[in-house]
Amino acid sequence: MQNKNDKSLFGVDINEYTQGVDFAVLTTKIDFLYLRSSGSATGRFRRDQKFIEFAQKAREFGIPVGAYHFGVPADDLTTADAQCDDFIQVLQEGFGNKDYGDLFPVIDVEVPTDKSLAVETVVNWIDRFRKRFEKKTRRRIMLYTGTFYVELYNNFFIPGRGYPLKNMILWIAMYTAIPGNPAYPPDVGGWTRWRIWQYSESATVQGIGNPVDANWGPNSIDLLIQPRNVTGLRATKRGNTINIRWNPNNDADLLGYNLFANNYWIGTVDAGDTDFTIPISSLPFTKSGPIKISIEAFDLDGETSKARTTVTV
């Protein structure tokens, strides 16, 4: 995989055991923050006791923030469903209704380490969790794991299927302080690039009172967050057509825009487009009364704006 560079963003991840967190200081030292929202290591779903407080503080101080669930795979794949649904609920408790954080939500999988599960079971469990999460939230989910764990489970390789998880966004843990580790993460599990690299578990960061996990991120925060809501939307009826215009988004990874009329999809355009025209006769509903035009941006990861921008014709 790639090494960090001089533009790589810097972030930390914290939990209820992190001491002396001073958000007024921390906001000047980091570019992004991850919180543990929950975990199932005890055999049951458990909320992190500081998650809601930390989530509110991070947003109060304008720190881009996301959260992860410490997942525990099992032979019973329905446990992925239960942990996923509880994770979705606790994210909304911390961030708000239908709000799953600024950054990619994360499923953290790094157990069991005794190879007590089959490789296919671990891969299928993670895959089931991510598919359920993404279907229910319309958010992409990122996988956190370590190079050691991936290699322990046969590089997440399934004969006849290859690397089923390689299209997941990856947060990889590999600590440079451990003797014998390479200078940066190697290719594993079908991945050739990381989105976040956790390079240390014992970094000293101002604003936190004890050693903390430290991470290199991408070169732009846009590669960790949803596209921004579209601004400047206006729609006018001219004869038998509706003309729609909007301001261009400046997201670094913008791919295009989806347009809707009365919540029916009416078109998709490229990132460079800022206008769209549709004949009223082509609208997929009865043309009586006001028409509500909406737009959302989408990026290279398939993430969409947090909210659709809307006007009424």
C-alpha atoms as a PDB file:
ATOM      1  CA  MET A   1       0.000   0.000   0.000  1.00  0.00           C
ATOM      2  CA  GLN A   2       1.002   3.657  -0.083  1.00  0.00           C
ATOM      3  CA  ASN A   3       3.056   5.509   2.500  1.00  0.00           C
ATOM      4  CA  LYS A   4       1.885   8.747   4.093  1.00  0.00           C
ATOM      5  CA  ASN A   5       2.904  12.025   2.475  1.00  0.00           C
ATOM      6  CA  ASP A   6       3.308  15.630   3.573  1.00  0.00           C
ATOM      7  CA  LYS A   7      -0.378  16.327   2.838  1.00  0.00           C
ATOM      8  CA  SER A   8      -1.765  13.361   4.793  1.00  0.00           C
ATOM      9  CA  LEU A   9      -4.336  14.429   7.373  1.00  0.00           C
ATOM     10  CA  PHE A  10      -3.778  13.517  11.014  1.00  0.00           C
ATOM     11  CA  GLY A  11      -6.385  12.039  13.329  1.00  0.00           C
ATOM     12  CA  VAL A  12      -6.820  10.126  16.574  1.00  0.00           C
ATOM     13  CA  ASP A  13      -9.366   7.667  17.899  1.00  0.00           C
ATOM     14  CA  ILE A  14     -10.516   7.703  21.516  1.00  0.00           C
ATOM     15  CA  ASN A  15     -12.901   5.925  23.877  1.00  0.00           C
ATOM     16  CA  GLU A  16     -14.209   6.042  27.428  1.00  0.00           C
ATOM     17  CA  TYR A  17     -10.773   5.133  28.818  1.00  0.00           C
ATOM     18  CA  THR A  18      -9.079   8.124  27.193  1.00  0.00           C
ATOM     19  CA  GLN A  19      -8.121  10.626  29.867  1.00  0.00           C
ATOM     20  CA  GLY A  20      -8.005  14.401  30.022  1.00  0.00           C
ATOM     21  CA  VAL A  21      -9.579  15.164  26.644  1.00  0.00           C
ATOM     22  CA  ASP A  22      -9.484  18.942  26.087  1.00  0.00           C
ATOM     23  CA  PHE A  23     -11.414  19.629  22.902  1.00  0.00           C
ATOM     24  CA  ALA A  24     -10.402  23.295  22.813  1.00  0.00           C
ATOM     25  CA  VAL A  25      -6.780  22.184  22.441  1.00  0.00           C
ATOM     26  CA  LEU A  26      -7.477  19.063  20.412  1.00  0.00           C
ATOM     27  CA  THR A  27      -9.239  20.981  17.662  1.00  0.00           C
ATOM     28  CA  THR A  28      -5.958  22.756  16.887  1.00  0.00           C
ATOM     29  CA  LYS A  29      -3.935  19.506  16.746  1.00  0.00           C
ATOM     30  CA  ILE A  30      -5.976  17.070  14.649  1.00  0.00           C
ATOM     31  CA  ASP A  31      -7.830  17.029  11.334  1.00  0.00           C
ATOM     32  CA  PHE A  32     -10.342  14.303  12.203  1.00  0.00           C
ATOM     33  CA  LEU A  33     -11.524  12.257  15.164  1.00  0.00           C
ATOM     34  CA  TYR A  34     -12.930   8.770  15.599  1.00  0.00           C
ATOM     35  CA  LEU A  35     -14.859   7.646  18.668  1.00  0.00           C
ATOM     36  CA  ARG A  36     -15.728   4.171  19.840  1.00  0.00           C
ATOM     37  CA  SER A  37     -19.506   4.134  19.963  1.00  0.00           C
ATOM     38  CA  SER A  38     -19.970   0.547  21.021  1.00  0.00           C
ATOM     39  CA  GLY A  39     -18.575  -2.951  21.197  1.00  0.00           C
ATOM     40  CA  SER A  40     -19.575  -6.577  21.589  1.00  0.00           C
ATOM     41  CA  ALA A  41     -16.402  -7.951  23.164  1.00  0.00           C
ATOM     42  CA  THR A  42     -18.264  -8.820  26.367  1.00  0.00           C
ATOM     43  CA  GLY A  43     -20.650 -11.086  24.475  1.00  0.00           C
ATOM     44  CA  ARG A  44     -23.383  -8.461  24.384  1.00  0.00           C
ATOM     45  CA  PHE A  45     -23.769  -5.061  22.757  1.00  0.00           C
ATOM     46  CA  ARG A  46     -22.405  -2.300  24.992  1.00  0.00           C
ATOM     47  CA  ARG A  47     -22.393   1.479  24.452  1.00  0.00           C
ATOM     48  CA  ASP A  48     -19.189   3.373  25.125  1.00  0.00           C
ATOM     49  CA  GLN A  49     -19.895   5.488  28.199  1.00  0.00           C
ATOM     50  CA  LYS A  50     -18.247   8.601  26.736  1.00  0.00           C
ATOM     51  CA  PHE A  51     -19.524   8.349  23.165  1.00  0.00           C
ATOM     52  CA  ILE A  52     -22.448  10.761  23.338  1.00  0.00           C
ATOM     53  CA  GLU A  53     -20.471  13.338  25.347  1.00  0.00           C
ATOM     54  CA  PHE A  54     -17.471  13.132  23.005  1.00  0.00           C
ATOM     55  CA  ALA A  55     -19.666  13.286  19.882  1.00  0.00           C
ATOM     56  CA  GLN A  56     -21.371  16.450  21.090  1.00  0.00           C
ATOM     57  CA  LYS A  57     -18.067  18.063  22.070  1.00  0.00           C
ATOM     58  CA  ALA A  58     -16.424  17.240  18.747  1.00  0.00           C
ATOM     59  CA  ARG A  59     -19.225  18.901  16.831  1.00  0.00           C
ATOM     60  CA  GLU A  60     -19.269  21.845  19.211  1.00  0.00           C
ATOM     61  CA  PHE A  61     -15.614  22.478  18.349  1.00  0.00           C
ATOM     62  CA  GLY A  62     -16.013  21.763  14.630  1.00  0.00           C
ATOM     63  CA  ILE A  63     -13.911  18.593  14.506  1.00  0.00           C
ATOM     64  CA  PRO A  64     -14.963  16.183  11.720  1.00  0.00           C
ATOM     65  CA  VAL A  65     -16.040  13.134  13.721  1.00  0.00           C
ATOM     66  CA  GLY A  66     -17.082   9.556  13.125  1.00  0.00           C
ATOM     67  CA  ALA A  67     -17.553   6.391  15.163  1.00  0.00           C
ATOM     68  CA  TYR A  68     -16.774   2.696  15.119  1.00  0.00           C
ATOM     69  CA  HIS A  69     -18.286  -0.481  16.535  1.00  0.00           C
ATOM     70  CA  PHE A  70     -15.976  -3.193  17.863  1.00  0.00           C
ATOM     71  CA  GLY A  71     -17.517  -6.187  16.134  1.00  0.00           C
ATOM     72  CA  VAL A  72     -17.218  -9.822  17.182  1.00  0.00           C
ATOM     73  CA  PRO A  73     -17.783 -12.312  14.346  1.00  0.00           C
ATOM     74  CA  ALA A  74     -19.434 -15.652  15.083  1.00  0.00           C
ATOM     75  CA  ASP A  75     -20.513 -18.831  13.325  1.00  0.00           C
ATOM     76  CA  ASP A  76     -24.078 -17.557  13.722  1.00  0.00           C
ATOM     77  CA  LEU A  77     -24.137 -14.914  11.004  1.00  0.00           C
ATOM     78  CA  THR A  78     -27.346 -13.396  12.365  1.00  0.00           C
ATOM     79  CA  THR A  79     -25.201 -11.854  15.102  1.00  0.00           C
ATOM     80  CA  ALA A  80     -23.960  -9.500  12.375  1.00  0.00           C
ATOM     81  CA  ASP A  81     -27.553  -8.327  11.906  1.00  0.00           C
ATOM     82  CA  ALA A  82     -28.068  -7.676  15.611  1.00  0.00           C
ATOM     83  CA  GLN A  83     -24.771  -5.835  16.079  1.00  0.00           C
ATOM     84  CA  CYS A  84     -25.389  -3.810  12.920  1.00  0.00           C
ATOM     85  CA  ASP A  85     -28.856  -2.687  14.011  1.00  0.00           C
ATOM     86  CA  ASP A  86     -27.632  -1.733  17.468  1.00  0.00           C
ATOM     87  CA  PHE A  87     -24.735   0.200  15.925  1.00  0.00           C
ATOM     88  CA  ILE A  88     -27.132   2.128  13.698  1.00  0.00           C
ATOM     89  CA  GLN A  89     -29.216   3.033  16.754  1.00  0.00           C
ATOM     90  CA  VAL A  90     -26.314   4.175  18.914  1.00  0.00           C
ATOM     91  CA  LEU A  91     -24.871   6.310  16.114  1.00  0.00           C
ATOM     92  CA  GLN A  92     -28.156   8.232  15.983  1.00  0.00           C
ATOM     93  CA  GLU A  93     -28.110   8.645  19.747  1.00  0.00           C
ATOM     94  CA  GLY A  94     -24.769  10.388  19.406  1.00  0.00           C
ATOM     95  CA  PHE A  95     -25.222  12.305  16.160  1.00  0.00           C
ATOM     96  CA  GLY A  96     -28.987  12.754  15.653  1.00  0.00           C
ATOM     97  CA  ASN A  97     -31.866  11.141  13.808  1.00  0.00           C
ATOM     98  CA  LYS A  98     -30.711   9.601  10.502  1.00  0.00           C
ATOM     99  CA  ASP A  99     -27.253  11.036  11.160  1.00  0.00           C
ATOM    100  CA  TYR A 100     -24.419   8.508  11.287  1.00  0.00           C
ATOM    101  CA  GLY A 101     -21.499  10.856  11.752  1.00  0.00           C
ATOM    102  CA  ASP A 102     -19.420  13.171   9.591  1.00  0.00           C
ATOM    103  CA  LEU A 103     -16.830  10.528   8.725  1.00  0.00           C
ATOM    104  CA  PHE A 104     -17.398   7.023   7.381  1.00  0.00           C
ATOM    105  CA  PRO A 105     -19.009   4.784  10.007  1.00  0.00           C
ATOM    106  CA  VAL A 106     -16.639   1.919  10.825  1.00  0.00           C
ATOM    107  CA  ILE A 107     -16.888  -1.768  11.691  1.00  0.00           C
ATOM    108  CA  ASP A 108     -13.798  -2.776  13.692  1.00  0.00           C
ATOM    109  CA  VAL A 109     -12.924  -6.473  13.336  1.00  0.00           C
ATOM    110  CA  GLU A 110      -9.794  -7.821  14.988  1.00  0.00           C
ATOM    111  CA  VAL A 111     -11.011 -10.897  16.923  1.00  0.00           C
ATOM    112  CA  PRO A 112     -10.856 -13.810  17.410  1.00  0.00           C
ATOM    113  CA  THR A 113      -7.103 -14.155  17.136  1.00  0.00           C
ATOM    114  CA  ASP A 114      -7.012 -17.896  17.838  1.00  0.00           C
ATOM    115  CA  LYS A 115      -8.343 -18.845  14.388  1.00  0.00           C
ATOM    116  CA  SER A 116     -11.364 -20.451  16.060  1.00  0.00           C
ATOM    117  CA  LEU A 117     -13.505 -19.368  13.116  1.00  0.00           C
ATOM    118  CA  ALA A 118     -13.175 -20.445   9.503  1.00  0.00           C
ATOM    119  CA  VAL A 119     -11.822 -17.825   7.114  1.00  0.00           C
ATOM    120  CA  GLU A 120     -15.056 -17.914   5.136  1.00  0.00           C
ATOM    121  CA  THR A 121     -17.074 -17.329   8.313  1.00  0.00           C
ATOM    122  CA  VAL A 122     -15.116 -14.179   9.198  1.00  0.00           C
ATOM    123  CA  VAL A 123     -15.369 -12.814   5.656  1.00  0.00           C
ATOM    124  CA  ASN A 124     -19.078 -13.645   5.350  1.00  0.00           C
ATOM    125  CA  TRP A 125     -19.814 -12.076   8.738  1.00  0.00           C
ATOM    126  CA  ILE A 126     -18.112  -8.801   7.797  1.00  0.00           C
ATOM    127  CA  ASP A 127     -19.778  -8.813   4.375  1.00  0.00           C
ATOM    128  CA  ARG A 128     -23.208  -9.399   5.893  1.00  0.00           C
ATOM    129  CA  PHE A 129     -22.709  -6.575   8.399  1.00  0.00           C
ATOM    130  CA  ARG A 130     -21.627  -4.074   5.741  1.00  0.00           C
ATOM    131  CA  LYS A 131     -24.406  -4.949   3.283  1.00  0.00           C
ATOM    132  CA  ARG A 132     -27.071  -4.596   5.949  1.00  0.00           C
ATOM    133  CA  PHE A 133     -25.611  -1.325   7.254  1.00  0.00           C
ATOM    134  CA  GLU A 134     -25.296   0.254   3.824  1.00  0.00           C
ATOM    135  CA  LYS A 135     -28.799  -0.801   2.773  1.00  0.00           C
ATOM    136  CA  LYS A 136     -30.403   0.599   5.937  1.00  0.00           C
ATOM    137  CA  THR A 137     -28.458   3.890   6.117  1.00  0.00           C
ATOM    138  CA  ARG A 138     -27.396   4.780   2.544  1.00  0.00           C
ATOM    139  CA  ARG A 139     -23.901   5.303   3.981  1.00  0.00           C
ATOM    140  CA  ARG A 140     -20.725   3.456   3.032  1.00  0.00           C
ATOM    141  CA  ILE A 141     -19.064   1.687   5.934  1.00  0.00           C
ATOM    142  CA  MET A 142     -15.304   1.445   6.415  1.00  0.00           C
ATOM    143  CA  LEU A 143     -13.523  -1.649   7.724  1.00  0.00           C
ATOM    144  CA  TYR A 144     -10.932  -1.287  10.483  1.00  0.00           C
ATOM    145  CA  THR A 145      -8.593  -4.226  10.910  1.00  0.00           C
ATOM    146  CA  GLY A 146      -4.897  -5.021  11.227  1.00  0.00           C
ATOM    147  CA  THR A 147      -2.438  -6.473   8.762  1.00  0.00           C
ATOM    148  CA  PHE A 148      -1.757  -9.217  11.319  1.00  0.00           C
ATOM    149  CA  TYR A 149      -5.442 -10.156  11.453  1.00  0.00           C
ATOM    150  CA  VAL A 150      -5.897 -10.221   7.680  1.00  0.00           C
ATOM    151  CA  GLU A 151      -2.835 -12.409   7.262  1.00  0.00           C
ATOM    152  CA  LEU A 152      -3.991 -14.681  10.110  1.00  0.00           C
ATOM    153  CA  TYR A 153      -7.218 -15.377   8.237  1.00  0.00           C
ATOM    154  CA  ASN A 154      -5.643 -16.418   4.924  1.00  0.00           C
ATOM    155  CA  ASN A 155      -5.451 -12.861   3.637  1.00  0.00           C
ATOM    156  CA  PHE A 156      -9.289 -12.816   3.575  1.00  0.00           C
ATOM    157  CA  PHE A 157      -9.032 -15.002   0.457  1.00  0.00           C
ATOM    158  CA  ILE A 158     -11.874 -17.397  -0.386  1.00  0.00           C
ATOM    159  CA  PRO A 159     -11.195 -20.036  -3.078  1.00  0.00           C
ATOM    160  CA  GLY A 160     -13.480 -19.456  -6.032  1.00  0.00           C
ATOM    161  CA  ARG A 161     -14.467 -15.998  -4.749  1.00  0.00           C
ATOM    162  CA  GLY A 162     -11.141 -14.222  -4.443  1.00  0.00           C
ATOM    163  CA  TYR A 163     -11.154 -11.264  -2.053  1.00  0.00           C
ATOM    164  CA  PRO A 164     -14.836 -10.459  -1.322  1.00  0.00           C
ATOM    165  CA  LEU A 165     -14.016  -7.499   0.937  1.00  0.00           C
ATOM    166  CA  LYS A 166     -11.459  -5.704  -1.227  1.00  0.00           C
ATOM    167  CA  ASN A 167     -13.960  -3.054  -2.356  1.00  0.00           C
ATOM    168  CA  MET A 168     -14.572  -1.957   1.245  1.00  0.00           C
ATOM    169  CA  ILE A 169     -12.964   1.319   2.282  1.00  0.00           C
ATOM    170  CA  LEU A 170     -10.033   0.350   4.488  1.00  0.00           C
ATOM    171  CA  TRP A 171      -8.651   1.630   7.782  1.00  0.00           C
ATOM    172  CA  ILE A 172      -5.579  -0.509   8.390  1.00  0.00           C
ATOM    173  CA  ALA A 173      -3.618  -0.873  11.625  1.00  0.00           C
ATOM    174  CA  MET A 174       0.115  -1.504  11.377  1.00  0.00           C
ATOM    175  CA  TYR A 175       2.414  -0.028  13.993  1.00  0.00           C
ATOM    176  CA  THR A 176       5.819   1.156  12.836  1.00  0.00           C
ATOM    177  CA  ALA A 177       7.270   0.846  16.355  1.00  0.00           C
ATOM    178  CA  ILE A 178       6.950  -2.949  16.326  1.00  0.00           C
ATOM    179  CA  PRO A 179      10.271  -4.531  15.347  1.00  0.00           C
ATOM    180  CA  GLY A 180      10.121  -6.284  11.991  1.00  0.00           C
ATOM    181  CA  ASN A 181       7.189  -4.288  10.659  1.00  0.00           C
ATOM    182  CA  PRO A 182       7.740  -2.536   7.326  1.00  0.00           C
ATOM    183  CA  ALA A 183       7.865   1.237   6.999  1.00  0.00           C
ATOM    184  CA  TYR A 184       4.252   1.333   5.794  1.00  0.00           C
ATOM    185  CA  PRO A 185       1.450  -1.212   5.333  1.00  0.00           C
ATOM    186  CA  PRO A 186       1.956  -3.931   2.717  1.00  0.00           C
ATOM    187  CA  ASP A 187      -0.743  -4.994   0.273  1.00  0.00           C
ATOM    188  CA  VAL A 188      -3.107  -7.407   2.054  1.00  0.00           C
ATOM    189  CA  GLY A 189      -6.550  -8.890   1.530  1.00  0.00           C
ATOM    190  CA  GLY A 190      -6.831  -7.614  -2.028  1.00  0.00           C
ATOM    191  CA  TRP A 191      -6.259  -4.014  -0.905  1.00  0.00           C
ATOM    192  CA  THR A 192      -3.530  -1.918  -2.482  1.00  0.00           C
ATOM    193  CA  ARG A 193      -4.439   1.382  -0.783  1.00  0.00           C
ATOM    194  CA  TRP A 194      -5.640   2.476   2.642  1.00  0.00           C
ATOM    195  CA  ARG A 195      -7.922   5.406   3.388  1.00  0.00           C
ATOM    196  CA  ILE A 196      -6.679   5.624   6.984  1.00  0.00           C
ATOM    197  CA  TRP A 197      -3.534   4.094   8.451  1.00  0.00           C
ATOM    198  CA  GLN A 198      -3.291   3.666  12.214  1.00  0.00           C
ATOM    199  CA  TYR A 199       0.472   3.795  12.609  1.00  0.00           C
ATOM    200  CA  SER A 200       0.749   4.033  16.405  1.00  0.00           C
ATOM    201  CA  GLU A 201      -1.097   2.986  19.545  1.00  0.00           C
ATOM    202  CA  SER A 202       1.005   5.142  21.873  1.00  0.00           C
ATOM    203  CA  ALA A 203       1.284   8.621  20.399  1.00  0.00           C
ATOM    204  CA  THR A 204       1.477  11.744  22.537  1.00  0.00           C
ATOM    205  CA  VAL A 205      -1.020  14.373  21.365  1.00  0.00           C
ATOM    206  CA  GLN A 206      -1.699  17.712  23.036  1.00  0.00           C
ATOM    207  CA  GLY A 207      -5.262  17.853  24.306  1.00  0.00           C
ATOM    208  CA  ILE A 208      -5.232  14.213  25.451  1.00  0.00           C
ATOM    209  CA  GLY A 209      -3.817  13.138  28.802  1.00  0.00           C
ATOM    210  CA  ASN A 210      -2.548   9.660  27.962  1.00  0.00           C
ATOM    211  CA  PRO A 211      -0.965   7.873  24.966  1.00  0.00           C
ATOM    212  CA  VAL A 212      -3.448   7.478  22.155  1.00  0.00           C
ATOM    213  CA  ASP A 213      -3.977   5.751  18.796  1.00  0.00           C
ATOM    214  CA  ALA A 214      -2.708   7.938  15.954  1.00  0.00           C
ATOM    215  CA  ASN A 215      -3.656   7.798  12.294  1.00  0.00           C
ATOM    216  CA  TRP A 216      -2.673   9.164   8.910  1.00  0.00           C
ATOM    217  CA  GLY A 217      -5.599   9.936   6.654  1.00  0.00           C
ATOM    218  CA  PRO A 218      -6.091  10.978   3.039  1.00  0.00           C
ATOM    219  CA  ASN A 219      -4.922  14.295   1.613  1.00  0.00           C
ATOM    220  CA  SER A 220      -8.398  15.834   1.789  1.00  0.00           C
ATOM    221  CA  ILE A 221     -11.163  15.521   4.376  1.00  0.00           C
ATOM    222  CA  ASP A 222     -13.528  15.144   1.411  1.00  0.00           C
ATOM    223  CA  LEU A 223     -12.290  11.556   1.114  1.00  0.00           C
ATOM    224  CA  LEU A 224     -13.706  10.777   4.565  1.00  0.00           C
ATOM    225  CA  ILE A 225     -17.006  12.677   4.504  1.00  0.00           C
ATOM    226  CA  GLN A 226     -20.197  12.853   2.467  1.00  0.00           C
ATOM    227  CA  PRO A 227     -20.421  15.372  -0.374  1.00  0.00           C
ATOM    228  CA  ARG A 228     -21.614  18.754   0.780  1.00  0.00           C
ATOM    229  CA  ASN A 229     -25.238  19.718   0.309  1.00  0.00           C
ATOM    230  CA  VAL A 230     -25.800  21.460  -3.010  1.00  0.00           C
ATOM    231  CA  THR A 231     -26.328  25.240  -2.827  1.00  0.00           C
ATOM    232  CA  GLY A 232     -27.958  27.790  -5.091  1.00  0.00           C
ATOM    233  CA  LEU A 233     -30.675  25.503  -6.456  1.00  0.00           C
ATOM    234  CA  ARG A 234     -33.279  27.258  -8.566  1.00  0.00           C
ATOM    235  CA  ALA A 235     -35.895  25.875 -10.936  1.00  0.00           C
ATOM    236  CA  THR A 236     -38.147  27.759 -13.352  1.00  0.00           C
ATOM    237  CA  LYS A 237     -40.904  26.684 -15.686  1.00  0.00           C
ATOM    238  CA  ARG A 238     -40.485  28.001 -19.228  1.00  0.00           C
ATOM    239  CA  GLY A 239     -43.212  26.907 -21.562  1.00  0.00           C
ATOM    240  CA  ASN A 240     -43.354  23.125 -21.477  1.00  0.00           C
ATOM    241  CA  THR A 241     -39.977  22.630 -19.770  1.00  0.00           C
ATOM    242  CA  ILE A 242     -38.435  23.019 -16.337  1.00  0.00           C
ATOM    243  CA  ASN A 243     -34.966  24.560 -16.247  1.00  0.00           C
ATOM    244  CA  ILE A 244     -32.868  23.709 -13.206  1.00  0.00           C
ATOM    245  CA  ARG A 245     -29.595  25.343 -12.156  1.00  0.00           C
ATOM    246  CA  TRP A 246     -27.322  25.093  -9.100  1.00  0.00           C
ATOM    247  CA  ASN A 247     -23.937  26.160  -7.804  1.00  0.00           C
ATOM    248  CA  PRO A 248     -21.055  23.726  -8.384  1.00  0.00           C
ATOM    249  CA  ASN A 249     -19.856  21.684  -5.408  1.00  0.00           C
ATOM    250  CA  ASN A 250     -16.141  21.886  -4.648  1.00  0.00           C
ATOM    251  CA  ASP A 251     -15.790  18.377  -3.167  1.00  0.00           C
ATOM    252  CA  ALA A 252     -12.416  16.918  -4.189  1.00  0.00           C
ATOM    253  CA  ASP A 253     -13.953  13.523  -5.031  1.00  0.00           C
ATOM    254  CA  LEU A 254     -17.207  14.737  -6.598  1.00  0.00           C
ATOM    255  CA  LEU A 255     -18.560  12.440  -9.305  1.00  0.00           C
ATOM    256  CA  GLY A 256     -21.947  13.968 -10.157  1.00  0.00           C
ATOM    257  CA  TYR A 257     -25.458  14.921  -9.139  1.00  0.00           C
ATOM    258  CA  ASN A 258     -28.802  13.120  -8.909  1.00  0.00           C
ATOM    259  CA  LEU A 259     -31.962  15.106  -9.628  1.00  0.00           C
ATOM    260  CA  PHE A 260     -35.507  14.393  -8.474  1.00  0.00           C
ATOM    261  CA  ALA A 261     -39.003  15.763  -9.052  1.00  0.00           C
ATOM    262  CA  ASN A 262     -41.541  15.057  -6.300  1.00  0.00           C
ATOM    263  CA  ASN A 263     -39.010  12.460  -5.080  1.00  0.00           C
ATOM    264  CA  TYR A 264     -38.989  10.631  -8.440  1.00  0.00           C
ATOM    265  CA  TRP A 265     -35.538  10.333 -10.016  1.00  0.00           C
ATOM    266  CA  ILE A 266     -35.388  12.386 -13.216  1.00  0.00           C
ATOM    267  CA  GLY A 267     -31.711  12.403 -14.111  1.00  0.00           C
ATOM    268  CA  THR A 268     -28.027  12.099 -13.241  1.00  0.00           C
ATOM    269  CA  VAL A 269     -25.361  14.473 -14.521  1.00  0.00           C
ATOM    270  CA  ASP A 270     -21.583  14.757 -14.273  1.00  0.00           C
ATOM    271  CA  ALA A 271     -19.562  16.724 -11.729  1.00  0.00           C
ATOM    272  CA  GLY A 272     -18.949  19.575 -14.186  1.00  0.00           C
ATOM    273  CA  ASP A 273     -22.648  20.163 -14.896  1.00  0.00           C
ATOM    274  CA  THR A 274     -24.625  22.922 -13.198  1.00  0.00           C
ATOM    275  CA  ASP A 275     -27.887  22.847 -15.140  1.00  0.00           C
ATOM    276  CA  PHE A 276     -30.540  20.380 -16.278  1.00  0.00           C
ATOM    277  CA  THR A 277     -33.647  20.760 -18.407  1.00  0.00           C
ATOM    278  CA  ILE A 278     -36.578  18.348 -18.538  1.00  0.00           C
ATOM    279  CA  PRO A 279     -39.841  18.502 -20.540  1.00  0.00           C
ATOM    280  CA  ILE A 280     -42.838  18.557 -18.237  1.00  0.00           C
ATOM    281  CA  SER A 281     -44.348  15.767 -20.339  1.00  0.00           C
ATOM    282  CA  SER A 282     -41.428  13.526 -19.303  1.00  0.00           C
ATOM    283  CA  LEU A 283     -42.073  13.797 -15.566  1.00  0.00           C
ATOM    284  CA  PRO A 284     -42.973  10.374 -14.108  1.00  0.00           C
ATOM    285  CA  PHE A 285     -46.129  11.488 -12.318  1.00  0.00           C
ATOM    286  CA  THR A 286     -49.405  13.338 -12.875  1.00  0.00           C
ATOM    287  CA  LYS A 287     -48.623  16.973 -13.637  1.00  0.00           C
ATOM    288  CA  SER A 288     -51.012  18.770 -11.304  1.00  0.00           C
ATOM    289  CA  GLY A 289     -50.106  21.132  -8.511  1.00  0.00           C
ATOM    290  CA  PRO A 290     -46.642  22.308  -7.433  1.00  0.00           C
ATOM    291  CA  ILE A 291     -43.533  20.385  -8.461  1.00  0.00           C
ATOM    292  CA  LYS A 292     -40.767  19.867  -5.908  1.00  0.00           C
ATOM    293  CA  ILE A 293     -37.286  19.728  -7.452  1.00  0.00           C
ATOM    294  CA  SER A 294     -34.475  18.172  -5.386  1.00  0.00           C
ATOM    295  CA  ILE A 295     -30.779  17.540  -5.934  1.00  0.00           C
ATOM    296  CA  GLU A 296     -27.998  15.625  -4.188  1.00  0.00           C
ATOM    297  CA  ALA A 297     -24.305  15.321  -4.974  1.00  0.00           C
ATOM    298  CA  PHE A 298     -22.520  11.969  -5.030  1.00  0.00           C
ATOM    299  CA  ASP A 299     -18.845  11.083  -4.902  1.00  0.00           C
ATOM    300  CA  LEU A 300     -16.457   8.393  -6.084  1.00  0.00           C
ATOM    301  CA  ASP A 301     -17.296   6.201  -3.071  1.00  0.00           C
ATOM    302  CA  GLY A 302     -21.015   6.341  -3.829  1.00  0.00           C
ATOM    303  CA  GLU A 303     -21.741   8.573  -0.839  1.00  0.00           C
ATOM    304  CA  THR A 304     -24.445  11.199  -1.315  1.00  0.00           C
ATOM    305  CA  SER A 305     -25.083  14.577   0.297  1.00  0.00           C
ATOM    306  CA  LYS A 306     -26.451  14.375   3.813  1.00  0.00           C
ATOM    307  CA  ALA A 307     -29.618  16.140   2.658  1.00  0.00           C
ATOM    308  CA  ARG A 308     -31.204  16.862  -0.697  1.00  0.00           C
ATOM    309  CA  THR A 309     -31.548  20.536  -1.520  1.00  0.00           C
ATOM    310  CA  THR A 310     -35.127  21.343  -2.592  1.00  0.00           C
ATOM    311  CA  VAL A 311     -37.108  24.094  -4.281  1.00  0.00           C
ATOM    312  CA  THR A 312     -40.703  24.214  -5.493  1.00  0.00           C
ATOM    313  CA  VAL A 313     -41.717  25.219  -9.006  1.00  0.00           C
END
